[in-house]
N, C-alpha and C. Protein backbone atom coordinates (compact mmCIF):
# COMPACT_ATOMS: atom_id res chain seq x y z
N MET A 1 -5.95 -5.84 -21.32
CA MET A 1 -5.94 -5.46 -19.92
C MET A 1 -5.00 -6.39 -19.16
N ALA A 2 -4.20 -5.84 -18.27
CA ALA A 2 -3.24 -6.61 -17.48
C ALA A 2 -3.82 -6.92 -16.10
N THR A 3 -3.18 -7.84 -15.41
CA THR A 3 -3.54 -8.18 -14.04
C THR A 3 -2.48 -7.61 -13.11
N TYR A 4 -2.91 -6.97 -12.03
CA TYR A 4 -2.00 -6.37 -11.06
C TYR A 4 -2.29 -6.90 -9.66
N SER A 5 -1.23 -7.14 -8.92
CA SER A 5 -1.34 -7.46 -7.50
C SER A 5 -1.04 -6.18 -6.74
N VAL A 6 -1.92 -5.80 -5.81
CA VAL A 6 -1.77 -4.55 -5.07
C VAL A 6 -1.70 -4.88 -3.58
N VAL A 7 -0.67 -4.34 -2.91
CA VAL A 7 -0.45 -4.61 -1.49
C VAL A 7 -0.46 -3.30 -0.73
N PHE A 8 -1.17 -3.29 0.38
CA PHE A 8 -1.18 -2.17 1.32
C PHE A 8 -0.52 -2.67 2.59
N GLU A 9 0.56 -2.02 3.02
CA GLU A 9 1.27 -2.41 4.23
C GLU A 9 1.34 -1.23 5.18
N ILE A 10 1.13 -1.51 6.46
CA ILE A 10 1.21 -0.45 7.45
C ILE A 10 1.51 -1.08 8.81
N GLU A 11 2.25 -0.37 9.61
CA GLU A 11 2.47 -0.79 10.99
C GLU A 11 1.59 0.07 11.88
N VAL A 12 0.95 -0.55 12.85
CA VAL A 12 0.04 0.16 13.73
C VAL A 12 0.22 -0.36 15.15
N ASP A 13 0.22 0.56 16.11
CA ASP A 13 0.27 0.17 17.52
C ASP A 13 -1.13 -0.14 18.00
N ALA A 14 -1.30 -1.28 18.65
CA ALA A 14 -2.61 -1.70 19.15
C ALA A 14 -2.41 -2.73 20.26
N ASN A 15 -3.47 -3.01 20.97
CA ASN A 15 -3.41 -4.00 22.05
C ASN A 15 -3.50 -5.43 21.55
N ASN A 16 -4.10 -5.63 20.35
CA ASN A 16 -4.22 -6.98 19.80
C ASN A 16 -4.50 -6.88 18.30
N SER A 17 -4.51 -8.03 17.63
CA SER A 17 -4.66 -8.01 16.17
C SER A 17 -6.04 -7.53 15.73
N LEU A 18 -7.08 -7.81 16.50
CA LEU A 18 -8.41 -7.33 16.15
C LEU A 18 -8.47 -5.81 16.22
N GLU A 19 -7.94 -5.25 17.29
CA GLU A 19 -7.91 -3.79 17.43
C GLU A 19 -7.09 -3.16 16.31
N ALA A 20 -5.96 -3.76 15.98
CA ALA A 20 -5.12 -3.24 14.90
C ALA A 20 -5.88 -3.24 13.58
N SER A 21 -6.58 -4.32 13.30
CA SER A 21 -7.34 -4.43 12.05
C SER A 21 -8.46 -3.40 11.98
N LYS A 22 -9.17 -3.21 13.07
CA LYS A 22 -10.26 -2.23 13.08
C LYS A 22 -9.73 -0.80 12.94
N THR A 23 -8.59 -0.51 13.54
CA THR A 23 -7.98 0.81 13.40
C THR A 23 -7.64 1.10 11.95
N VAL A 24 -6.99 0.15 11.30
CA VAL A 24 -6.61 0.35 9.90
C VAL A 24 -7.84 0.41 9.01
N ARG A 25 -8.85 -0.40 9.28
CA ARG A 25 -10.09 -0.35 8.51
C ARG A 25 -10.69 1.05 8.57
N ASP A 26 -10.72 1.64 9.76
CA ASP A 26 -11.29 2.98 9.91
C ASP A 26 -10.47 4.01 9.15
N TRP A 27 -9.15 3.87 9.16
CA TRP A 27 -8.30 4.78 8.39
C TRP A 27 -8.59 4.66 6.91
N LEU A 28 -8.71 3.42 6.42
CA LEU A 28 -8.95 3.20 4.99
C LEU A 28 -10.31 3.74 4.55
N ARG A 29 -11.27 3.75 5.42
CA ARG A 29 -12.61 4.25 5.09
C ARG A 29 -12.67 5.77 5.05
N ASN A 30 -11.68 6.44 5.58
CA ASN A 30 -11.68 7.90 5.60
C ASN A 30 -11.43 8.42 4.19
N PRO A 31 -12.40 9.13 3.59
CA PRO A 31 -12.24 9.58 2.21
C PRO A 31 -11.24 10.74 2.06
N HIS A 32 -10.74 11.26 3.15
CA HIS A 32 -9.82 12.40 3.08
C HIS A 32 -8.36 12.00 3.23
N THR A 33 -8.08 10.71 3.16
CA THR A 33 -6.70 10.24 3.28
C THR A 33 -6.26 9.59 1.98
N GLU A 34 -4.99 9.66 1.71
CA GLU A 34 -4.39 9.01 0.55
C GLU A 34 -3.34 8.03 1.06
N TRP A 35 -3.15 6.94 0.37
CA TRP A 35 -2.27 5.89 0.84
C TRP A 35 -1.21 5.53 -0.19
N GLN A 36 -0.24 4.78 0.26
CA GLN A 36 0.81 4.27 -0.62
C GLN A 36 0.60 2.77 -0.77
N PHE A 37 0.75 2.29 -1.98
CA PHE A 37 0.57 0.87 -2.29
C PHE A 37 1.79 0.35 -3.03
N TYR A 38 2.00 -0.95 -2.93
CA TYR A 38 2.98 -1.62 -3.76
C TYR A 38 2.21 -2.41 -4.81
N VAL A 39 2.62 -2.26 -6.07
CA VAL A 39 1.87 -2.83 -7.18
C VAL A 39 2.82 -3.63 -8.06
N GLN A 40 2.41 -4.86 -8.39
CA GLN A 40 3.20 -5.70 -9.28
C GLN A 40 2.32 -6.14 -10.44
N GLY A 41 2.82 -5.89 -11.65
CA GLY A 41 2.09 -6.27 -12.85
C GLY A 41 2.61 -7.57 -13.42
N ASP A 42 2.09 -7.90 -14.58
CA ASP A 42 2.49 -9.14 -15.25
C ASP A 42 3.98 -9.20 -15.55
N ASP A 43 4.61 -8.04 -15.65
CA ASP A 43 6.05 -7.99 -15.95
C ASP A 43 6.92 -8.25 -14.72
N GLN A 44 6.30 -8.48 -13.55
CA GLN A 44 6.96 -8.77 -12.28
C GLN A 44 7.67 -7.57 -11.65
N LYS A 45 7.66 -6.42 -12.31
CA LYS A 45 8.25 -5.20 -11.76
C LYS A 45 7.35 -4.70 -10.63
N ILE A 46 7.95 -4.21 -9.54
CA ILE A 46 7.19 -3.69 -8.42
C ILE A 46 7.33 -2.18 -8.38
N ASP A 47 6.20 -1.50 -8.29
CA ASP A 47 6.17 -0.04 -8.18
C ASP A 47 5.59 0.35 -6.83
N SER A 48 6.06 1.46 -6.32
CA SER A 48 5.44 2.12 -5.17
C SER A 48 4.55 3.20 -5.75
N VAL A 49 3.27 3.21 -5.35
CA VAL A 49 2.32 4.19 -5.86
C VAL A 49 1.80 4.99 -4.67
N ASP A 50 2.12 6.28 -4.66
CA ASP A 50 1.73 7.17 -3.56
C ASP A 50 0.61 8.07 -4.05
N LEU A 51 -0.61 7.81 -3.60
CA LEU A 51 -1.77 8.54 -4.09
C LEU A 51 -1.85 9.98 -3.59
N SER A 52 -0.97 10.37 -2.68
CA SER A 52 -0.94 11.76 -2.23
C SER A 52 -0.14 12.64 -3.18
N GLU A 53 0.55 12.05 -4.13
CA GLU A 53 1.36 12.78 -5.10
C GLU A 53 0.57 13.04 -6.39
N GLU A 54 1.03 14.01 -7.17
CA GLU A 54 0.47 14.24 -8.50
C GLU A 54 0.73 13.00 -9.35
N ASP A 55 -0.13 12.71 -10.32
CA ASP A 55 -0.01 11.49 -11.11
C ASP A 55 1.39 11.30 -11.69
N GLY A 56 2.01 12.35 -12.18
CA GLY A 56 3.32 12.24 -12.79
C GLY A 56 4.43 11.88 -11.81
N ASP A 57 4.20 12.10 -10.52
CA ASP A 57 5.20 11.79 -9.49
C ASP A 57 4.79 10.63 -8.59
N ALA A 58 3.64 10.04 -8.83
CA ALA A 58 3.07 9.06 -7.90
C ALA A 58 3.71 7.68 -7.97
N VAL A 59 4.29 7.31 -9.12
CA VAL A 59 4.77 5.94 -9.32
C VAL A 59 6.30 5.92 -9.37
N LEU A 60 6.87 5.10 -8.48
CA LEU A 60 8.32 4.90 -8.46
C LEU A 60 8.60 3.41 -8.46
N GLU A 61 9.56 2.97 -9.27
CA GLU A 61 9.94 1.57 -9.28
C GLU A 61 10.69 1.23 -7.98
N VAL A 62 10.37 0.08 -7.43
CA VAL A 62 11.03 -0.40 -6.21
C VAL A 62 12.01 -1.48 -6.62
N LEU A 63 13.29 -1.25 -6.35
CA LEU A 63 14.31 -2.20 -6.77
C LEU A 63 14.53 -3.31 -5.75
N ASN A 64 14.25 -3.05 -4.48
CA ASN A 64 14.49 -4.05 -3.45
C ASN A 64 13.31 -4.08 -2.48
N TYR A 65 12.20 -4.63 -2.92
CA TYR A 65 10.98 -4.68 -2.09
C TYR A 65 11.15 -5.71 -0.98
N GLN A 66 10.92 -5.27 0.26
CA GLN A 66 10.97 -6.16 1.41
C GLN A 66 9.67 -5.99 2.20
N PRO A 67 8.79 -6.98 2.15
CA PRO A 67 7.50 -6.84 2.83
C PRO A 67 7.66 -6.78 4.34
N LEU A 68 6.68 -6.14 4.99
CA LEU A 68 6.69 -6.07 6.46
C LEU A 68 6.49 -7.45 7.08
N ILE A 69 5.62 -8.24 6.50
CA ILE A 69 5.36 -9.60 7.00
C ILE A 69 6.22 -10.56 6.20
N LYS A 70 6.97 -11.34 6.93
CA LYS A 70 7.88 -12.30 6.25
C LYS A 70 7.51 -13.72 6.59
């Protein structure tokens, strides 16, 4: 079994960081939504995984990953 680092990034408009966090928390709790994640395995390769796609189309390698927070 391998170890993976999984990152969820999103930009949200809000009045402050607490409101932004609660908004995203509520979105994540919605069972009818699918999200995109960035995943890095032991091989250091980064993939974009879009859970709204069929499994065969869900994973794309990211050649130039640039995080939202720097």
